[in-house]
Amino acid sequence: MGKLILVRHGKSLWNVKNVFTGWTDVDLAPEGMEEAKKAGELIKSNLIEIDICCSSYLKKSHPYRLDYIGNGRNDACRHQV
């Protein structure tokens, strides 16, 4: 049986300032980059292979932030808004 993994973006630069981000394309704060790295490490440590990835186009949600997508396969990710 397949698995569905949901990962929310990490803390954005505007989250740090307590400003609502919405659809504004704001980058991740350093803390958000660390959160993304930890999420990727958890997925790797549980030996979960990613076959398909869907993500927003926004910088804060972009899957390259998670160091796990497709285990090196760039074709695994498909974007959706």
Protein backbone atom coordinates (compact mmCIF):
# COMPACT_ATOMS: atom_id res chain seq x y z
CA MET A 1 0.00 0.00 0.00
CA GLY A 2 1.20 3.49 -0.83
CA LYS A 3 1.90 6.22 1.69
CA LEU A 4 0.80 9.84 1.69
CA ILE A 5 3.29 12.21 3.30
CA LEU A 6 2.23 15.78 4.03
CA VAL A 7 4.93 18.31 4.82
CA ARG A 8 4.21 21.95 5.53
CA HIS A 9 6.77 24.59 4.64
CA GLY A 10 9.11 25.77 7.36
CA LYS A 11 9.12 29.17 9.00
CA SER A 12 9.23 31.97 6.42
CA LEU A 13 10.89 35.37 6.71
CA TRP A 14 7.47 36.94 7.23
CA ASN A 15 6.50 34.37 9.88
CA VAL A 16 9.47 35.65 11.90
CA LYS A 17 8.00 39.18 11.66
CA ASN A 18 4.50 37.88 12.48
CA VAL A 19 3.19 39.02 9.07
CA PHE A 20 0.61 36.95 7.20
CA THR A 21 2.25 35.50 4.11
CA GLY A 22 -0.68 34.05 2.17
CA TRP A 23 0.27 33.69 -1.51
CA THR A 24 3.12 36.20 -1.33
CA ASP A 25 6.31 34.53 -2.53
CA VAL A 26 8.46 34.89 0.59
CA ASP A 27 11.58 32.82 1.19
CA LEU A 28 12.25 30.67 4.21
CA ALA A 29 13.99 32.04 7.28
CA PRO A 30 17.16 30.24 8.40
CA GLU A 31 15.05 28.39 10.99
CA GLY A 32 12.68 27.29 8.21
CA MET A 33 15.60 25.92 6.20
CA GLU A 34 16.64 23.87 9.25
CA GLU A 35 13.06 22.61 9.65
CA ALA A 36 13.02 21.52 6.00
CA LYS A 37 16.35 19.76 6.43
CA LYS A 38 15.06 17.90 9.50
CA ALA A 39 11.91 16.84 7.64
CA GLY A 40 14.05 15.43 4.85
CA GLU A 41 16.27 13.60 7.33
CA LEU A 42 13.23 12.03 9.01
CA ILE A 43 11.91 10.78 5.69
CA LYS A 44 15.33 9.37 4.75
CA SER A 45 15.88 7.75 8.14
CA ASN A 46 12.54 5.94 7.80
CA LEU A 47 13.64 4.62 4.38
CA ILE A 48 10.64 6.18 2.64
CA GLU A 49 11.11 6.46 -1.12
CA ILE A 50 9.37 9.35 -2.84
CA ASP A 51 7.78 8.41 -6.17
CA ILE A 52 5.73 11.55 -6.77
CA CYS A 53 5.89 14.96 -5.12
CA CYS A 54 3.37 17.78 -5.55
CA SER A 55 4.21 21.25 -4.33
CA SER A 56 3.30 24.90 -4.62
CA TYR A 57 5.44 27.13 -6.84
CA LEU A 58 6.14 29.41 -3.88
CA LYS A 59 9.74 29.54 -2.64
CA LYS A 60 8.77 28.62 0.91
CA SER A 61 7.14 25.41 -0.29
CA HIS A 62 9.47 24.40 -3.08
CA PRO A 63 10.56 20.76 -2.66
CA TYR A 64 14.25 21.43 -3.23
CA ARG A 65 14.07 22.77 0.32
CA LEU A 66 13.56 19.22 1.52
CA ASP A 67 16.72 17.27 1.00
CA TYR A 68 14.91 14.08 0.09
CA ILE A 69 12.74 14.48 -2.99
CA GLY A 70 13.01 11.45 -5.22
CA ASN A 71 16.25 10.40 -3.54
CA GLY A 72 18.19 12.25 -6.20
CA ARG A 73 15.59 11.85 -8.96
CA ASN A 74 14.59 15.27 -10.25
CA ASP A 75 11.65 13.77 -12.17
CA ALA A 76 9.82 12.85 -8.96
CA CYS A 77 8.47 16.33 -8.33
CA ARG A 78 5.44 17.86 -10.01
CA HIS A 79 4.25 21.30 -9.03
CA GLN A 80 0.70 22.37 -8.35
CA VAL A 81 -0.70 25.63 -7.08
